[in-house]
Amino acid sequence: MSDYFVLTEDKRCVPCEDPMEWAEAWGHKRIVKQDRLHRYNFLRYFGFPQPQPILISTVFLGINHNFGPDKDRHPLLFETMVFGGKYNELCQRYETYNEAVNGHEKVLKYVQGKITRL
């Protein structure tokens, strides 16, 4: 299976066997639209003397980031990352668009202290 994927308008991840075709899709933003999941939430973490803004970002990666033995069965194509604060560089990866949306909300709640486990 290919390590390259495109995100269709209906939020499906479709393998792309030709790396040049994949690069063209990214370059022209025909199929892949990275900003569809790009959500920003500015929070304040008060564990520091000065409040520090925190950015939580979820994006479509376009390349399989599962490097384990099940990489072909379960490609990890979306990523949520936290930038700043106590959880700086916290990273969660997902297989599907819906998992990514739900995972983003879960990370947000975790950083806000509304839940204690991811």
C-alpha atoms as a PDB file:
ATOM      1  CA  MET A   1       0.000   0.000   0.000  1.00  0.00           C
ATOM      2  CA  SER A   2       1.123   3.549  -0.681  1.00  0.00           C
ATOM      3  CA  ASP A   3       2.444   5.843   2.044  1.00  0.00           C
ATOM      4  CA  TYR A   4       0.947   8.841   0.189  1.00  0.00           C
ATOM      5  CA  PHE A   5      -2.707   9.838   0.581  1.00  0.00           C
ATOM      6  CA  VAL A   6      -5.024  12.590  -0.560  1.00  0.00           C
ATOM      7  CA  LEU A   7      -8.051  13.871   1.346  1.00  0.00           C
ATOM      8  CA  THR A   8     -11.178  13.989  -0.792  1.00  0.00           C
ATOM      9  CA  GLU A   9     -13.957  16.571  -0.479  1.00  0.00           C
ATOM     10  CA  ASP A  10     -16.061  14.014   1.415  1.00  0.00           C
ATOM     11  CA  LYS A  11     -13.243  13.532   3.994  1.00  0.00           C
ATOM     12  CA  ARG A  12     -12.012  10.150   2.762  1.00  0.00           C
ATOM     13  CA  CYS A  13      -8.299   9.343   2.651  1.00  0.00           C
ATOM     14  CA  VAL A  14      -7.426   7.816  -0.691  1.00  0.00           C
ATOM     15  CA  PRO A  15      -4.049   6.154  -1.371  1.00  0.00           C
ATOM     16  CA  CYS A  16      -2.023   7.792  -4.105  1.00  0.00           C
ATOM     17  CA  GLU A  17       0.520   5.447  -5.702  1.00  0.00           C
ATOM     18  CA  ASP A  18       2.307   8.108  -7.722  1.00  0.00           C
ATOM     19  CA  PRO A  19       4.352  10.506  -5.536  1.00  0.00           C
ATOM     20  CA  MET A  20       4.361  13.108  -8.320  1.00  0.00           C
ATOM     21  CA  GLU A  21       0.556  13.033  -8.539  1.00  0.00           C
ATOM     22  CA  TRP A  22       0.418  13.367  -4.744  1.00  0.00           C
ATOM     23  CA  ALA A  23       2.792  16.340  -4.815  1.00  0.00           C
ATOM     24  CA  GLU A  24       0.720  17.975  -7.551  1.00  0.00           C
ATOM     25  CA  ALA A  25      -2.453  17.545  -5.492  1.00  0.00           C
ATOM     26  CA  TRP A  26      -0.746  19.219  -2.532  1.00  0.00           C
ATOM     27  CA  GLY A  27       0.749  21.961  -4.676  1.00  0.00           C
ATOM     28  CA  HIS A  28      -2.487  22.911  -6.384  1.00  0.00           C
ATOM     29  CA  LYS A  29      -4.748  22.230  -3.418  1.00  0.00           C
ATOM     30  CA  ARG A  30      -7.137  20.343  -5.749  1.00  0.00           C
ATOM     31  CA  ILE A  31      -8.010  17.508  -3.447  1.00  0.00           C
ATOM     32  CA  VAL A  32      -6.008  17.976  -0.291  1.00  0.00           C
ATOM     33  CA  LYS A  33      -7.034  20.937   1.801  1.00  0.00           C
ATOM     34  CA  GLN A  34      -4.869  21.045   4.858  1.00  0.00           C
ATOM     35  CA  ASP A  35      -6.838  23.857   6.456  1.00  0.00           C
ATOM     36  CA  ARG A  36     -10.023  21.784   6.729  1.00  0.00           C
ATOM     37  CA  LEU A  37      -8.907  20.394  10.037  1.00  0.00           C
ATOM     38  CA  HIS A  38      -6.575  23.175  11.002  1.00  0.00           C
ATOM     39  CA  ARG A  39      -8.233  24.494  14.148  1.00  0.00           C
ATOM     40  CA  TYR A  40      -6.658  26.900  16.585  1.00  0.00           C
ATOM     41  CA  ASN A  41      -7.596  27.229  20.212  1.00  0.00           C
ATOM     42  CA  PHE A  42      -5.733  29.796  22.243  1.00  0.00           C
ATOM     43  CA  LEU A  43      -5.821  28.848  25.878  1.00  0.00           C
ATOM     44  CA  ARG A  44      -4.020  30.187  28.897  1.00  0.00           C
ATOM     45  CA  TYR A  45      -1.966  28.005  31.198  1.00  0.00           C
ATOM     46  CA  PHE A  46      -1.582  29.667  34.585  1.00  0.00           C
ATOM     47  CA  GLY A  47       1.260  27.513  35.961  1.00  0.00           C
ATOM     48  CA  PHE A  48       3.729  30.187  34.876  1.00  0.00           C
ATOM     49  CA  PRO A  49       4.174  33.662  36.355  1.00  0.00           C
ATOM     50  CA  GLN A  50       3.041  35.044  32.981  1.00  0.00           C
ATOM     51  CA  PRO A  51       0.194  33.302  31.163  1.00  0.00           C
ATOM     52  CA  GLN A  52       1.517  31.524  28.104  1.00  0.00           C
ATOM     53  CA  PRO A  53      -0.648  31.093  24.991  1.00  0.00           C
ATOM     54  CA  ILE A  54      -1.146  27.512  23.853  1.00  0.00           C
ATOM     55  CA  LEU A  55      -1.833  26.470  20.295  1.00  0.00           C
ATOM     56  CA  ILE A  56      -3.601  23.183  19.541  1.00  0.00           C
ATOM     57  CA  SER A  57      -3.433  22.278  15.875  1.00  0.00           C
ATOM     58  CA  THR A  58      -4.912  19.325  13.982  1.00  0.00           C
ATOM     59  CA  VAL A  59      -3.818  18.742  10.394  1.00  0.00           C
ATOM     60  CA  PHE A  60      -4.044  16.217   7.575  1.00  0.00           C
ATOM     61  CA  LEU A  61      -0.499  14.939   7.034  1.00  0.00           C
ATOM     62  CA  GLY A  62      -0.880  13.309   3.617  1.00  0.00           C
ATOM     63  CA  ILE A  63       1.852  10.779   4.394  1.00  0.00           C
ATOM     64  CA  ASN A  64       1.417   7.672   6.537  1.00  0.00           C
ATOM     65  CA  HIS A  65       3.107   8.291   9.899  1.00  0.00           C
ATOM     66  CA  ASN A  66       2.572   4.759  11.206  1.00  0.00           C
ATOM     67  CA  PHE A  67       5.998   3.148  11.145  1.00  0.00           C
ATOM     68  CA  GLY A  68       4.976  -0.066  12.917  1.00  0.00           C
ATOM     69  CA  PRO A  69       4.276  -3.531  11.532  1.00  0.00           C
ATOM     70  CA  ASP A  70       0.568  -2.706  10.972  1.00  0.00           C
ATOM     71  CA  LYS A  71       1.316   0.431   8.904  1.00  0.00           C
ATOM     72  CA  ASP A  72      -0.501  -0.868   5.824  1.00  0.00           C
ATOM     73  CA  ARG A  73      -3.650  -1.763   7.740  1.00  0.00           C
ATOM     74  CA  HIS A  74      -3.803   1.359   9.898  1.00  0.00           C
ATOM     75  CA  PRO A  75      -2.213   4.414   8.276  1.00  0.00           C
ATOM     76  CA  LEU A  76      -1.873   7.412  10.599  1.00  0.00           C
ATOM     77  CA  LEU A  77      -2.748  10.392   8.428  1.00  0.00           C
ATOM     78  CA  PHE A  78      -3.851  13.135  10.837  1.00  0.00           C
ATOM     79  CA  GLU A  79      -2.032  14.742  13.729  1.00  0.00           C
ATOM     80  CA  THR A  80      -2.948  16.928  16.685  1.00  0.00           C
ATOM     81  CA  MET A  81      -0.111  18.806  18.361  1.00  0.00           C
ATOM     82  CA  VAL A  82       0.078  21.161  21.313  1.00  0.00           C
ATOM     83  CA  PHE A  83       2.497  24.075  21.129  1.00  0.00           C
ATOM     84  CA  GLY A  84       3.363  25.886  24.352  1.00  0.00           C
ATOM     85  CA  GLY A  85       2.442  25.427  27.981  1.00  0.00           C
ATOM     86  CA  LYS A  86       2.715  22.378  30.183  1.00  0.00           C
ATOM     87  CA  TYR A  87       1.880  19.947  27.364  1.00  0.00           C
ATOM     88  CA  ASN A  88       4.182  21.462  24.723  1.00  0.00           C
ATOM     89  CA  GLU A  89       4.837  19.000  21.867  1.00  0.00           C
ATOM     90  CA  LEU A  90       2.103  16.589  22.962  1.00  0.00           C
ATOM     91  CA  CYS A  91       1.245  14.687  19.810  1.00  0.00           C
ATOM     92  CA  GLN A  92      -1.645  12.380  18.922  1.00  0.00           C
ATOM     93  CA  ARG A  93      -2.140  10.729  15.513  1.00  0.00           C
ATOM     94  CA  TYR A  94      -5.255   9.312  13.875  1.00  0.00           C
ATOM     95  CA  GLU A  95      -6.340   7.186  10.960  1.00  0.00           C
ATOM     96  CA  THR A  96      -9.537   8.960   9.870  1.00  0.00           C
ATOM     97  CA  TYR A  97     -10.917  12.475   9.630  1.00  0.00           C
ATOM     98  CA  ASN A  98     -13.614  11.774  12.247  1.00  0.00           C
ATOM     99  CA  GLU A  99     -11.062  10.322  14.668  1.00  0.00           C
ATOM    100  CA  ALA A 100      -8.970  13.472  14.183  1.00  0.00           C
ATOM    101  CA  VAL A 101     -11.893  15.816  14.899  1.00  0.00           C
ATOM    102  CA  ASN A 102     -12.830  13.842  18.030  1.00  0.00           C
ATOM    103  CA  GLY A 103      -9.179  13.553  19.066  1.00  0.00           C
ATOM    104  CA  HIS A 104      -8.693  17.299  18.715  1.00  0.00           C
ATOM    105  CA  GLU A 105     -11.603  17.950  21.073  1.00  0.00           C
ATOM    106  CA  LYS A 106     -10.235  15.402  23.541  1.00  0.00           C
ATOM    107  CA  VAL A 107      -6.759  17.006  23.531  1.00  0.00           C
ATOM    108  CA  LEU A 108      -8.392  20.402  24.029  1.00  0.00           C
ATOM    109  CA  LYS A 109     -10.293  19.126  27.080  1.00  0.00           C
ATOM    110  CA  TYR A 110      -7.129  17.474  28.412  1.00  0.00           C
ATOM    111  CA  VAL A 111      -5.100  20.684  28.142  1.00  0.00           C
ATOM    112  CA  GLN A 112      -7.952  22.631  29.768  1.00  0.00           C
ATOM    113  CA  GLY A 113      -7.933  20.146  32.668  1.00  0.00           C
ATOM    114  CA  LYS A 114     -11.483  18.926  31.993  1.00  0.00           C
ATOM    115  CA  ILE A 115     -10.316  15.310  31.608  1.00  0.00           C
ATOM    116  CA  THR A 116      -7.295  13.576  33.150  1.00  0.00           C
ATOM    117  CA  ARG A 117      -6.423  10.962  30.495  1.00  0.00           C
ATOM    118  CA  LEU A 118      -6.184  10.909  26.735  1.00  0.00           C
END
